[in-house]
């Protein structure tokens, strides 16, 4: 597999939203990007605040740009703030250095896209992203 299909992206959205409901999280927003950073699908739960699309896309796009989860991008931002801030200003879709952006990989471990979730704590956003990836029968980068 070399890409995430629209059906798989829809399953990711549903799985992430279901995890949010199961855990009683605040309203989530979920973005699924292909490996080139193009938006495949997006969902915003009722009651989610504004700018959630940009934040979810920024988490996923930042993960793709650096080849690591947005949680690790957050750690990099603490260790090298000037570097990450410089990248964020260059990134066309933004870059959000907080957990919730997870790279999706194929069987060979190559990136085929990313999921970004926002709305609750960053840790819970990441849990929802991982649940969505699993619900679609796909794998998260290890």
N, C-alpha and C. Protein backbone atom coordinates (compact mmCIF):
# COMPACT_ATOMS: atom_id res chain seq x y z
N UNK A 1 0.85 -1.17 0.00
CA UNK A 1 0.00 0.00 0.00
C UNK A 1 0.90 1.24 0.00
N UNK A 2 0.57 2.21 -0.83
CA UNK A 2 1.39 3.42 -0.90
C UNK A 2 0.63 4.68 -0.53
N UNK A 3 -0.64 4.53 -0.20
CA UNK A 3 -1.43 5.70 0.16
C UNK A 3 -2.59 5.31 1.06
N UNK A 4 -3.15 6.31 1.70
CA UNK A 4 -4.36 6.12 2.50
C UNK A 4 -5.55 6.43 1.59
N UNK A 5 -6.47 5.51 1.49
CA UNK A 5 -7.66 5.73 0.67
C UNK A 5 -8.66 6.61 1.42
N UNK A 6 -9.62 7.13 0.69
CA UNK A 6 -10.68 7.92 1.32
C UNK A 6 -11.47 7.07 2.31
N UNK A 7 -11.71 5.80 1.96
CA UNK A 7 -12.42 4.91 2.88
C UNK A 7 -11.63 4.72 4.18
N UNK A 8 -10.32 4.50 4.06
CA UNK A 8 -9.48 4.34 5.25
C UNK A 8 -9.47 5.63 6.07
N UNK A 9 -9.38 6.77 5.38
CA UNK A 9 -9.40 8.06 6.09
C UNK A 9 -10.70 8.23 6.85
N UNK A 10 -11.81 7.84 6.23
CA UNK A 10 -13.11 7.93 6.90
C UNK A 10 -13.15 7.03 8.13
N UNK A 11 -12.54 5.86 8.03
CA UNK A 11 -12.49 4.94 9.17
C UNK A 11 -11.61 5.51 10.28
N UNK A 12 -10.54 6.19 9.91
CA UNK A 12 -9.68 6.85 10.91
C UNK A 12 -10.49 7.91 11.66
N UNK A 13 -11.22 8.73 10.92
CA UNK A 13 -12.04 9.77 11.55
C UNK A 13 -13.04 9.15 12.51
N UNK A 14 -13.73 8.12 12.05
CA UNK A 14 -14.75 7.47 12.89
C UNK A 14 -14.12 6.84 14.13
N UNK A 15 -12.99 6.18 13.96
CA UNK A 15 -12.33 5.54 15.09
C UNK A 15 -11.83 6.53 16.11
N UNK A 16 -11.27 7.63 15.64
CA UNK A 16 -10.78 8.66 16.56
C UNK A 16 -11.94 9.31 17.32
N UNK A 17 -13.02 9.62 16.61
CA UNK A 17 -14.18 10.22 17.25
C UNK A 17 -14.82 9.26 18.25
N UNK A 18 -14.86 7.98 17.89
CA UNK A 18 -15.42 6.98 18.81
C UNK A 18 -14.59 6.90 20.09
N UNK A 19 -13.27 6.96 19.94
CA UNK A 19 -12.40 6.92 21.13
C UNK A 19 -12.66 8.15 22.00
N UNK A 20 -12.83 9.30 21.37
CA UNK A 20 -13.14 10.51 22.12
C UNK A 20 -14.43 10.38 22.90
N UNK A 21 -15.45 9.81 22.27
CA UNK A 21 -16.73 9.59 22.96
C UNK A 21 -16.58 8.59 24.10
N UNK A 22 -15.86 7.50 23.82
CA UNK A 22 -15.65 6.45 24.83
C UNK A 22 -14.96 7.01 26.08
N UNK A 23 -13.99 7.89 25.88
CA UNK A 23 -13.24 8.46 27.00
C UNK A 23 -13.87 9.72 27.59
N UNK A 24 -14.96 10.19 26.97
CA UNK A 24 -15.61 11.41 27.45
C UNK A 24 -14.77 12.65 27.23
N UNK A 25 -14.04 12.69 26.11
CA UNK A 25 -13.17 13.82 25.82
C UNK A 25 -13.97 15.03 25.35
N UNK A 26 -13.34 16.18 25.39
CA UNK A 26 -13.93 17.39 24.81
C UNK A 26 -14.08 17.16 23.30
N UNK A 27 -14.90 17.97 22.62
CA UNK A 27 -15.12 17.76 21.18
C UNK A 27 -13.80 17.78 20.39
N UNK A 28 -13.61 16.70 19.62
CA UNK A 28 -12.38 16.55 18.85
C UNK A 28 -12.55 17.00 17.40
N UNK A 29 -11.43 17.31 16.80
CA UNK A 29 -11.34 17.53 15.36
C UNK A 29 -10.19 16.66 14.87
N UNK A 30 -10.40 16.02 13.70
CA UNK A 30 -9.44 15.05 13.19
C UNK A 30 -9.17 15.34 11.72
N UNK A 31 -7.88 15.37 11.38
CA UNK A 31 -7.46 15.56 9.99
C UNK A 31 -6.62 14.37 9.56
N UNK A 32 -6.83 13.91 8.33
CA UNK A 32 -6.02 12.85 7.74
C UNK A 32 -5.36 13.41 6.49
N UNK A 33 -4.03 13.31 6.44
CA UNK A 33 -3.25 13.80 5.30
C UNK A 33 -2.59 12.63 4.59
N UNK A 34 -2.36 12.80 3.29
CA UNK A 34 -1.57 11.79 2.57
C UNK A 34 -0.09 12.07 2.81
N UNK A 35 0.78 11.26 2.25
CA UNK A 35 2.22 11.38 2.50
C UNK A 35 2.79 12.71 2.02
N UNK A 36 2.13 13.34 1.06
CA UNK A 36 2.57 14.65 0.56
C UNK A 36 2.02 15.81 1.36
N UNK A 37 1.27 15.51 2.41
CA UNK A 37 0.71 16.57 3.25
C UNK A 37 -0.60 17.14 2.76
N UNK A 38 -1.22 16.48 1.79
CA UNK A 38 -2.50 16.95 1.26
C UNK A 38 -3.64 16.38 2.09
N UNK A 39 -4.62 17.21 2.39
CA UNK A 39 -5.77 16.80 3.19
C UNK A 39 -6.61 15.78 2.43
N UNK A 40 -6.85 14.63 3.05
CA UNK A 40 -7.75 13.62 2.49
C UNK A 40 -9.14 13.81 3.08
N UNK A 41 -9.19 13.97 4.41
CA UNK A 41 -10.47 14.04 5.08
C UNK A 41 -10.34 14.78 6.41
N UNK A 42 -11.43 15.41 6.82
CA UNK A 42 -11.44 16.15 8.08
C UNK A 42 -12.83 16.04 8.70
N UNK A 43 -12.86 15.96 10.03
CA UNK A 43 -14.13 15.98 10.77
C UNK A 43 -13.96 16.84 12.02
N UNK A 44 -14.99 17.59 12.32
CA UNK A 44 -15.02 18.46 13.51
C UNK A 44 -16.27 18.12 14.29
N UNK A 45 -16.09 17.67 15.53
CA UNK A 45 -17.24 17.30 16.36
C UNK A 45 -18.07 18.53 16.70
N UNK A 46 -19.35 18.30 16.93
CA UNK A 46 -20.23 19.38 17.37
C UNK A 46 -19.63 20.01 18.63
N UNK A 47 -19.59 21.32 18.64
CA UNK A 47 -19.10 22.04 19.81
C UNK A 47 -17.61 22.30 19.83
N UNK A 48 -16.87 21.80 18.83
CA UNK A 48 -15.43 22.07 18.78
C UNK A 48 -15.20 23.55 18.49
N UNK A 49 -14.17 24.09 19.10
CA UNK A 49 -13.89 25.51 18.92
C UNK A 49 -13.28 25.79 17.55
N UNK A 50 -13.19 27.08 17.23
CA UNK A 50 -12.66 27.45 15.92
C UNK A 50 -11.15 27.19 15.84
N UNK A 51 -10.63 27.20 14.67
CA UNK A 51 -9.22 26.94 14.34
C UNK A 51 -8.81 25.50 14.55
N UNK A 52 -9.74 24.62 14.86
CA UNK A 52 -9.38 23.22 15.09
C UNK A 52 -8.89 22.54 13.82
N UNK A 53 -9.42 22.92 12.67
CA UNK A 53 -8.92 22.33 11.41
C UNK A 53 -7.45 22.67 11.23
N UNK A 54 -7.09 23.93 11.44
CA UNK A 54 -5.71 24.35 11.26
C UNK A 54 -4.78 23.65 12.26
N UNK A 55 -5.24 23.47 13.49
CA UNK A 55 -4.42 22.84 14.51
C UNK A 55 -4.22 21.36 14.18
N UNK A 56 -5.29 20.66 13.83
CA UNK A 56 -5.17 19.24 13.50
C UNK A 56 -4.27 19.03 12.29
N UNK A 57 -4.46 19.85 11.27
CA UNK A 57 -3.61 19.75 10.08
C UNK A 57 -2.17 20.08 10.44
N UNK A 58 -1.96 21.09 11.28
CA UNK A 58 -0.61 21.47 11.68
C UNK A 58 0.11 20.37 12.45
N UNK A 59 -0.63 19.64 13.29
CA UNK A 59 -0.01 18.52 14.00
C UNK A 59 0.42 17.43 13.02
N UNK A 60 -0.48 17.06 12.10
CA UNK A 60 -0.17 16.00 11.14
C UNK A 60 0.93 16.45 10.16
N UNK A 61 0.83 17.65 9.66
CA UNK A 61 1.81 18.15 8.69
C UNK A 61 3.20 18.30 9.32
N UNK A 62 3.25 18.74 10.56
CA UNK A 62 4.54 18.85 11.25
C UNK A 62 5.19 17.50 11.45
N UNK A 63 4.38 16.50 11.77
CA UNK A 63 4.91 15.14 11.92
C UNK A 63 5.50 14.66 10.59
N UNK A 64 4.76 14.86 9.51
CA UNK A 64 5.26 14.45 8.20
C UNK A 64 6.53 15.21 7.83
N UNK A 65 6.55 16.49 8.10
CA UNK A 65 7.70 17.32 7.71
C UNK A 65 8.99 16.87 8.38
N UNK A 66 8.90 16.44 9.63
CA UNK A 66 10.11 16.05 10.35
C UNK A 66 10.26 14.53 10.49
N UNK A 67 9.27 13.78 10.06
CA UNK A 67 9.37 12.33 10.08
C UNK A 67 9.24 11.70 11.44
N UNK A 68 8.64 12.44 12.37
CA UNK A 68 8.43 11.96 13.74
C UNK A 68 7.08 12.45 14.22
N UNK A 69 6.55 11.83 15.27
CA UNK A 69 5.26 12.27 15.80
C UNK A 69 5.34 13.72 16.28
N UNK A 70 4.20 14.37 16.34
CA UNK A 70 4.19 15.75 16.83
C UNK A 70 4.56 15.83 18.31
N UNK A 71 4.45 14.71 19.03
CA UNK A 71 4.93 14.67 20.42
C UNK A 71 6.44 14.91 20.44
N UNK A 72 7.15 14.24 19.53
CA UNK A 72 8.60 14.41 19.44
C UNK A 72 8.94 15.81 18.92
N UNK A 73 8.13 16.33 18.02
CA UNK A 73 8.32 17.71 17.57
C UNK A 73 8.22 18.66 18.76
N UNK A 74 7.31 18.39 19.68
CA UNK A 74 7.18 19.19 20.90
C UNK A 74 8.43 19.15 21.75
N UNK A 75 9.02 17.97 21.88
CA UNK A 75 10.28 17.85 22.62
C UNK A 75 11.38 18.64 21.91
N UNK A 76 11.42 18.53 20.59
CA UNK A 76 12.41 19.29 19.82
C UNK A 76 12.24 20.79 20.03
N UNK A 77 10.98 21.24 20.15
CA UNK A 77 10.71 22.67 20.34
C UNK A 77 11.27 23.18 21.65
N UNK A 78 11.28 22.31 22.66
CA UNK A 78 11.85 22.69 23.96
C UNK A 78 13.38 22.72 23.85
N UNK A 79 13.94 21.72 23.18
CA UNK A 79 15.40 21.60 23.08
C UNK A 79 16.00 22.59 22.09
N UNK A 80 15.28 22.84 20.99
CA UNK A 80 15.77 23.72 19.93
C UNK A 80 14.65 24.65 19.45
N UNK A 81 14.25 25.59 20.29
CA UNK A 81 13.08 26.42 19.97
C UNK A 81 13.25 27.25 18.70
N UNK A 82 14.43 27.77 18.45
CA UNK A 82 14.63 28.60 17.26
C UNK A 82 14.46 27.77 16.00
N UNK A 83 14.99 26.56 16.01
CA UNK A 83 14.87 25.67 14.85
C UNK A 83 13.41 25.36 14.55
N UNK A 84 12.66 24.94 15.55
CA UNK A 84 11.26 24.57 15.33
C UNK A 84 10.43 25.79 14.96
N UNK A 85 10.68 26.93 15.59
CA UNK A 85 9.95 28.15 15.24
C UNK A 85 10.23 28.55 13.80
N UNK A 86 11.47 28.38 13.36
CA UNK A 86 11.82 28.71 11.98
C UNK A 86 11.10 27.80 11.00
N UNK A 87 11.06 26.51 11.32
CA UNK A 87 10.35 25.57 10.46
C UNK A 87 8.86 25.89 10.41
N UNK A 88 8.29 26.21 11.55
CA UNK A 88 6.86 26.50 11.61
C UNK A 88 6.51 27.68 10.72
N UNK A 89 7.39 28.67 10.65
CA UNK A 89 7.10 29.83 9.82
C UNK A 89 7.22 29.51 8.33
N UNK A 90 7.96 28.46 7.99
CA UNK A 90 8.11 28.05 6.59
C UNK A 90 7.05 27.05 6.15
N UNK A 91 6.48 26.33 7.09
CA UNK A 91 5.55 25.26 6.77
C UNK A 91 4.24 25.83 6.22
N UNK A 92 3.86 25.45 5.01
CA UNK A 92 2.64 26.02 4.42
C UNK A 92 1.37 25.71 5.22
N UNK A 93 1.34 24.58 5.92
CA UNK A 93 0.16 24.21 6.70
C UNK A 93 0.36 24.43 8.19
N UNK A 94 1.46 25.05 8.55
CA UNK A 94 1.77 25.26 9.94
C UNK A 94 2.42 24.03 10.54
N UNK A 95 2.81 24.16 11.80
CA UNK A 95 3.42 23.06 12.52
C UNK A 95 3.06 23.26 13.99
N UNK A 96 2.38 22.30 14.56
CA UNK A 96 1.96 22.40 15.95
C UNK A 96 2.77 21.39 16.76
N UNK A 97 3.70 21.87 17.59
CA UNK A 97 4.58 20.97 18.33
C UNK A 97 3.96 20.46 19.64
N UNK A 98 2.92 19.65 19.50
CA UNK A 98 2.25 19.06 20.65
C UNK A 98 1.70 17.71 20.23
N UNK A 99 1.63 16.76 21.15
CA UNK A 99 1.15 15.42 20.84
C UNK A 99 -0.24 15.47 20.21
N UNK A 100 -0.47 14.51 19.31
CA UNK A 100 -1.74 14.43 18.60
C UNK A 100 -1.56 14.25 17.11
N UNK A 101 -0.32 14.39 16.62
CA UNK A 101 0.00 14.16 15.21
C UNK A 101 0.81 12.88 15.10
N UNK A 102 0.28 11.90 14.36
CA UNK A 102 0.90 10.58 14.27
C UNK A 102 1.05 10.19 12.80
N UNK A 103 2.23 9.68 12.47
CA UNK A 103 2.50 9.23 11.10
C UNK A 103 1.93 7.83 10.91
N UNK A 104 1.30 7.61 9.77
CA UNK A 104 0.76 6.31 9.38
C UNK A 104 1.77 5.68 8.41
N UNK A 105 2.11 4.41 8.67
CA UNK A 105 3.11 3.73 7.83
C UNK A 105 2.52 2.48 7.18
N UNK A 106 3.17 2.08 6.07
CA UNK A 106 2.77 0.84 5.41
C UNK A 106 3.51 -0.34 6.02
N UNK A 107 3.34 -1.50 5.43
CA UNK A 107 3.95 -2.72 5.97
C UNK A 107 5.47 -2.64 6.01
N UNK A 108 6.07 -1.86 5.11
CA UNK A 108 7.52 -1.71 5.05
C UNK A 108 8.03 -0.61 5.99
N UNK A 109 7.11 0.07 6.68
CA UNK A 109 7.50 1.14 7.59
C UNK A 109 7.64 2.49 6.94
N UNK A 110 7.19 2.62 5.68
CA UNK A 110 7.27 3.90 4.97
C UNK A 110 6.02 4.73 5.22
N UNK A 111 6.20 6.02 5.39
CA UNK A 111 5.07 6.91 5.66
C UNK A 111 4.12 6.96 4.48
N UNK A 112 2.84 6.77 4.78
CA UNK A 112 1.80 6.89 3.75
C UNK A 112 0.84 8.04 4.08
N UNK A 113 1.07 8.71 5.19
CA UNK A 113 0.22 9.82 5.59
C UNK A 113 0.37 10.09 7.08
N UNK A 114 -0.53 10.91 7.58
CA UNK A 114 -0.51 11.25 9.00
C UNK A 114 -1.90 11.65 9.45
N UNK A 115 -2.11 11.51 10.76
CA UNK A 115 -3.37 11.89 11.40
C UNK A 115 -3.06 12.96 12.43
N UNK A 116 -3.87 14.00 12.47
CA UNK A 116 -3.77 15.02 13.49
C UNK A 116 -5.08 15.14 14.23
N UNK A 117 -5.00 15.15 15.56
CA UNK A 117 -6.21 15.27 16.39
C UNK A 117 -5.99 16.40 17.38
N UNK A 118 -7.03 17.17 17.60
CA UNK A 118 -6.99 18.26 18.57
C UNK A 118 -8.36 18.41 19.23
N UNK A 119 -8.36 19.00 20.42
CA UNK A 119 -9.63 19.27 21.11
C UNK A 119 -9.57 19.01 22.59
N UNK A 120 -8.77 18.03 23.01
CA UNK A 120 -8.65 17.71 24.42
C UNK A 120 -7.19 17.93 24.80
N UNK A 121 -6.71 17.27 25.85
CA UNK A 121 -5.29 17.38 26.16
C UNK A 121 -4.50 16.72 25.04
N UNK A 122 -3.26 17.11 24.88
CA UNK A 122 -2.43 16.54 23.82
C UNK A 122 -2.30 15.03 23.97
N UNK A 123 -2.16 14.54 25.19
CA UNK A 123 -2.07 13.10 25.41
C UNK A 123 -3.33 12.38 24.94
N UNK A 124 -4.49 12.95 25.25
CA UNK A 124 -5.75 12.34 24.82
C UNK A 124 -5.94 12.46 23.31
N UNK A 125 -5.49 13.57 22.73
CA UNK A 125 -5.54 13.72 21.28
C UNK A 125 -4.75 12.60 20.61
N UNK A 126 -3.58 12.31 21.15
CA UNK A 126 -2.74 11.25 20.59
C UNK A 126 -3.42 9.88 20.74
N UNK A 127 -4.04 9.63 21.89
CA UNK A 127 -4.77 8.36 22.07
C UNK A 127 -5.85 8.20 21.00
N UNK A 128 -6.56 9.27 20.72
CA UNK A 128 -7.62 9.22 19.71
C UNK A 128 -7.04 8.98 18.32
N UNK A 129 -5.92 9.63 18.01
CA UNK A 129 -5.27 9.42 16.71
C UNK A 129 -4.86 7.96 16.54
N UNK A 130 -4.24 7.40 17.57
CA UNK A 130 -3.82 6.00 17.51
C UNK A 130 -5.01 5.06 17.36
N UNK A 131 -6.11 5.35 18.06
CA UNK A 131 -7.31 4.53 17.96
C UNK A 131 -7.90 4.61 16.55
N UNK A 132 -7.86 5.78 15.96
CA UNK A 132 -8.36 5.93 14.59
C UNK A 132 -7.55 5.14 13.59
N UNK A 133 -6.23 5.19 13.74
CA UNK A 133 -5.36 4.44 12.85
C UNK A 133 -5.63 2.94 12.98
N UNK A 134 -5.76 2.49 14.22
CA UNK A 134 -6.05 1.07 14.46
C UNK A 134 -7.41 0.68 13.89
N UNK A 135 -8.40 1.54 14.04
CA UNK A 135 -9.75 1.25 13.55
C UNK A 135 -9.75 1.08 12.04
N UNK A 136 -8.84 1.74 11.35
CA UNK A 136 -8.76 1.64 9.89
C UNK A 136 -7.91 0.45 9.44
N UNK A 137 -7.37 -0.30 10.42
CA UNK A 137 -6.53 -1.44 10.07
C UNK A 137 -5.15 -1.05 9.58
N UNK A 138 -4.71 0.14 9.98
CA UNK A 138 -3.40 0.64 9.55
C UNK A 138 -2.45 0.67 10.74
N UNK A 139 -1.21 1.06 10.49
CA UNK A 139 -0.19 1.06 11.53
C UNK A 139 0.37 2.46 11.75
N UNK A 140 0.62 2.78 13.01
CA UNK A 140 1.28 4.04 13.38
C UNK A 140 2.79 3.81 13.38
N UNK A 141 3.51 4.87 13.08
CA UNK A 141 4.97 4.79 13.16
C UNK A 141 5.37 4.46 14.59
N UNK A 142 6.32 3.53 14.73
CA UNK A 142 6.73 3.07 16.05
C UNK A 142 7.57 4.00 16.83
